[in-house]
Structure formats: structure tokens, C-alpha cells
């Protein structure tokens, strides 16, 4: 099983946590939970040359910065 599905769930989960309203954030957490399971099943969590965790941090910073520029606040 390739790591593509875990990257897809990671990116969509982080996006959902930042973009969805507060009452729908459980969907984002569920996507992140599926991503963690897929990482364990595929046993591949490293993208060349960036690790999966650095990728997660960069996506979160990108989306958080975008929200700060557009709304002036974070909705976590």
C-alpha cells in the first residue's frame, strides 16, 4: 500500500480543521485518525526528501497563515 492515501487524508484533515465551522471539526479529526492508521498499515511515512511530519507542519502553517491574512483570526 503506497503512502499516497495517507498524504491525501493528512492534507484533507488539516484543511478541514482550519476551514470547517467548529461543529464540523470532528470530520477533520476523523480524517487525521484514518491517516495515522494508514501510516501504520503502509509502514511508510517518509516523503523524499521531506518527512511526513514536516509536510504536516508546513501544510498547517500555510493554511493558518492564509486564514490570518483573510480573516484576521484562527478558528481552531
N, C-alpha and C. Protein backbone atom coordinates (compact mmCIF):
# COMPACT_ATOMS: atom_id res chain seq x y z
N UNK A 1 0.85 -1.17 0.00
CA UNK A 1 0.00 0.00 0.00
C UNK A 1 0.90 1.24 0.00
N UNK A 2 0.69 2.10 -0.92
CA UNK A 2 1.52 3.30 -1.04
C UNK A 2 1.11 4.33 0.00
N UNK A 3 1.96 5.31 0.19
CA UNK A 3 1.70 6.35 1.18
C UNK A 3 0.82 7.47 0.61
N UNK A 4 0.35 7.31 -0.62
CA UNK A 4 -0.45 8.36 -1.24
C UNK A 4 -1.74 8.63 -0.49
N UNK A 5 -2.41 7.56 -0.06
CA UNK A 5 -3.69 7.73 0.65
C UNK A 5 -3.48 8.44 1.98
N UNK A 6 -2.39 8.11 2.67
CA UNK A 6 -2.14 8.77 3.95
C UNK A 6 -1.86 10.25 3.77
N UNK A 7 -1.16 10.62 2.72
CA UNK A 7 -0.90 12.03 2.43
C UNK A 7 -2.20 12.74 2.09
N UNK A 8 -3.07 12.08 1.33
CA UNK A 8 -4.35 12.68 0.97
C UNK A 8 -5.20 12.92 2.21
N UNK A 9 -5.29 11.93 3.11
CA UNK A 9 -6.08 12.09 4.32
C UNK A 9 -5.45 13.12 5.26
N UNK A 10 -4.13 13.19 5.31
CA UNK A 10 -3.45 14.17 6.15
C UNK A 10 -3.76 15.59 5.69
N UNK A 11 -3.61 15.82 4.40
CA UNK A 11 -3.85 17.15 3.86
C UNK A 11 -5.32 17.56 4.01
N UNK A 12 -6.22 16.64 3.70
CA UNK A 12 -7.64 16.98 3.81
C UNK A 12 -8.06 17.16 5.27
N UNK A 13 -7.49 16.38 6.19
CA UNK A 13 -7.82 16.53 7.60
C UNK A 13 -7.37 17.87 8.15
N UNK A 14 -6.16 18.28 7.81
CA UNK A 14 -5.66 19.58 8.27
C UNK A 14 -6.48 20.71 7.65
N UNK A 15 -6.80 20.58 6.38
CA UNK A 15 -7.63 21.59 5.72
C UNK A 15 -8.98 21.70 6.41
N UNK A 16 -9.60 20.56 6.73
CA UNK A 16 -10.91 20.57 7.37
C UNK A 16 -10.84 21.21 8.76
N UNK A 17 -9.76 20.95 9.50
CA UNK A 17 -9.65 21.54 10.83
C UNK A 17 -9.58 23.06 10.78
N UNK A 18 -8.98 23.59 9.75
CA UNK A 18 -8.84 25.04 9.65
C UNK A 18 -10.03 25.71 8.97
N UNK A 19 -10.70 25.03 8.07
CA UNK A 19 -11.70 25.68 7.24
C UNK A 19 -13.13 25.44 7.72
N UNK A 20 -13.45 24.25 8.19
CA UNK A 20 -14.82 23.94 8.57
C UNK A 20 -15.24 24.68 9.84
N UNK A 21 -16.53 24.92 10.00
CA UNK A 21 -17.01 25.53 11.24
C UNK A 21 -16.75 24.62 12.45
N UNK A 22 -16.83 25.20 13.62
CA UNK A 22 -16.46 24.49 14.86
C UNK A 22 -17.25 23.20 15.05
N UNK A 23 -18.53 23.17 14.70
CA UNK A 23 -19.34 21.98 14.94
C UNK A 23 -18.99 20.83 14.00
N UNK A 24 -18.29 21.09 12.90
CA UNK A 24 -17.92 20.06 11.92
C UNK A 24 -16.46 19.64 12.00
N UNK A 25 -15.73 20.07 13.01
CA UNK A 25 -14.31 19.75 13.11
C UNK A 25 -14.06 18.27 13.37
N UNK A 26 -15.06 17.53 13.83
CA UNK A 26 -14.90 16.09 14.08
C UNK A 26 -14.56 15.35 12.79
N UNK A 27 -15.03 15.85 11.66
CA UNK A 27 -14.71 15.23 10.38
C UNK A 27 -13.21 15.33 10.09
N UNK A 28 -12.63 16.47 10.38
CA UNK A 28 -11.18 16.65 10.21
C UNK A 28 -10.38 15.75 11.11
N UNK A 29 -10.81 15.61 12.38
CA UNK A 29 -10.11 14.71 13.30
C UNK A 29 -10.23 13.26 12.85
N UNK A 30 -11.39 12.89 12.28
CA UNK A 30 -11.57 11.53 11.77
C UNK A 30 -10.62 11.27 10.60
N UNK A 31 -10.47 12.25 9.72
CA UNK A 31 -9.54 12.10 8.59
C UNK A 31 -8.11 11.95 9.08
N UNK A 32 -7.73 12.69 10.12
CA UNK A 32 -6.39 12.54 10.67
C UNK A 32 -6.20 11.17 11.33
N UNK A 33 -7.26 10.66 11.96
CA UNK A 33 -7.18 9.32 12.56
C UNK A 33 -7.00 8.25 11.49
N UNK A 34 -7.72 8.38 10.37
CA UNK A 34 -7.56 7.44 9.26
C UNK A 34 -6.15 7.52 8.70
N UNK A 35 -5.62 8.73 8.63
CA UNK A 35 -4.25 8.91 8.14
C UNK A 35 -3.25 8.20 9.01
N UNK A 36 -3.41 8.27 10.32
CA UNK A 36 -2.49 7.60 11.24
C UNK A 36 -2.57 6.09 11.06
N UNK A 37 -3.78 5.56 10.89
CA UNK A 37 -3.93 4.13 10.65
C UNK A 37 -3.28 3.72 9.33
N UNK A 38 -3.44 4.52 8.29
CA UNK A 38 -2.83 4.19 7.00
C UNK A 38 -1.31 4.23 7.07
N UNK A 39 -0.75 5.14 7.86
CA UNK A 39 0.71 5.19 8.03
C UNK A 39 1.20 3.89 8.68
N UNK A 40 0.48 3.43 9.69
CA UNK A 40 0.89 2.19 10.35
C UNK A 40 0.73 0.98 9.43
N UNK A 41 -0.35 0.95 8.63
CA UNK A 41 -0.56 -0.18 7.74
C UNK A 41 0.45 -0.20 6.59
N UNK A 42 0.78 0.97 6.07
CA UNK A 42 1.72 1.01 4.95
C UNK A 42 3.17 0.98 5.42
N UNK A 43 3.40 1.33 6.66
CA UNK A 43 4.73 1.41 7.29
C UNK A 43 5.71 2.25 6.47
N UNK A 44 5.16 3.23 5.76
CA UNK A 44 5.99 4.20 5.05
C UNK A 44 5.47 5.60 5.37
N UNK A 45 6.25 6.38 6.08
CA UNK A 45 5.81 7.71 6.47
C UNK A 45 6.79 8.78 6.05
N UNK A 46 7.69 8.50 5.11
CA UNK A 46 8.70 9.47 4.71
C UNK A 46 8.55 9.78 3.23
N UNK A 47 8.42 11.04 2.93
CA UNK A 47 8.45 11.51 1.55
C UNK A 47 9.86 11.98 1.26
N UNK A 48 10.34 11.71 0.09
CA UNK A 48 11.70 12.15 -0.23
C UNK A 48 11.67 13.57 -0.74
N UNK A 49 12.46 14.45 -0.27
CA UNK A 49 13.36 14.41 0.88
C UNK A 49 12.73 14.95 2.16
N UNK A 50 11.40 15.09 2.20
CA UNK A 50 10.71 15.66 3.35
C UNK A 50 9.96 14.58 4.09
N UNK A 51 10.06 14.61 5.43
CA UNK A 51 9.31 13.62 6.20
C UNK A 51 7.83 14.00 6.24
N UNK A 52 7.02 13.05 6.59
CA UNK A 52 5.58 13.27 6.64
C UNK A 52 5.22 14.33 7.68
N UNK A 53 5.93 14.34 8.78
CA UNK A 53 5.63 15.28 9.87
C UNK A 53 6.03 16.70 9.49
N UNK A 54 7.10 16.88 8.73
CA UNK A 54 7.46 18.20 8.23
C UNK A 54 6.43 18.69 7.21
N UNK A 55 5.92 17.77 6.41
CA UNK A 55 4.88 18.09 5.45
C UNK A 55 3.62 18.55 6.18
N UNK A 56 3.26 17.84 7.26
CA UNK A 56 2.08 18.19 8.06
C UNK A 56 2.25 19.59 8.65
N UNK A 57 3.41 19.87 9.20
CA UNK A 57 3.67 21.18 9.78
C UNK A 57 3.62 22.28 8.73
N UNK A 58 4.16 22.02 7.55
CA UNK A 58 4.16 23.05 6.51
C UNK A 58 2.75 23.32 6.00
N UNK A 59 1.92 22.28 5.86
CA UNK A 59 0.53 22.49 5.42
C UNK A 59 -0.23 23.29 6.48
N UNK A 60 -0.04 22.93 7.76
CA UNK A 60 -0.73 23.64 8.84
C UNK A 60 -0.31 25.11 8.88
N UNK A 61 0.97 25.39 8.72
CA UNK A 61 1.44 26.77 8.72
C UNK A 61 0.91 27.54 7.51
N UNK A 62 0.87 26.88 6.38
CA UNK A 62 0.35 27.52 5.17
C UNK A 62 -1.13 27.90 5.34
N UNK A 63 -1.93 26.97 5.81
CA UNK A 63 -3.37 27.23 5.96
C UNK A 63 -3.61 28.23 7.08
N UNK A 64 -2.87 28.12 8.18
CA UNK A 64 -3.02 29.08 9.27
C UNK A 64 -2.65 30.49 8.85
N UNK A 65 -1.58 30.63 8.11
CA UNK A 65 -1.18 31.94 7.61
C UNK A 65 -2.20 32.51 6.64
N UNK A 66 -2.75 31.66 5.80
CA UNK A 66 -3.79 32.10 4.88
C UNK A 66 -5.01 32.61 5.64
N UNK A 67 -5.40 31.87 6.69
CA UNK A 67 -6.55 32.32 7.47
C UNK A 67 -6.26 33.62 8.19
N UNK A 68 -5.06 33.78 8.71
CA UNK A 68 -4.71 35.04 9.37
C UNK A 68 -4.79 36.21 8.39
N UNK A 69 -4.37 36.00 7.16
CA UNK A 69 -4.43 37.08 6.19
C UNK A 69 -5.84 37.39 5.73
N UNK A 70 -6.69 36.38 5.64
CA UNK A 70 -8.04 36.62 5.11
C UNK A 70 -9.04 37.03 6.18
N UNK A 71 -8.93 36.50 7.40
CA UNK A 71 -9.93 36.79 8.43
C UNK A 71 -9.38 37.56 9.62
N UNK A 72 -8.09 37.52 9.83
CA UNK A 72 -7.50 38.20 10.96
C UNK A 72 -7.52 37.38 12.23
N UNK A 73 -7.99 36.11 12.16
CA UNK A 73 -8.02 35.26 13.35
C UNK A 73 -7.99 33.80 12.93
N UNK A 74 -7.68 32.91 13.85
CA UNK A 74 -7.68 31.48 13.60
C UNK A 74 -8.90 30.85 14.23
N UNK A 75 -9.54 29.92 13.53
CA UNK A 75 -10.70 29.19 14.05
C UNK A 75 -10.31 27.75 14.32
N UNK A 76 -9.61 27.52 15.40
CA UNK A 76 -9.19 26.15 15.74
C UNK A 76 -10.13 25.57 16.74
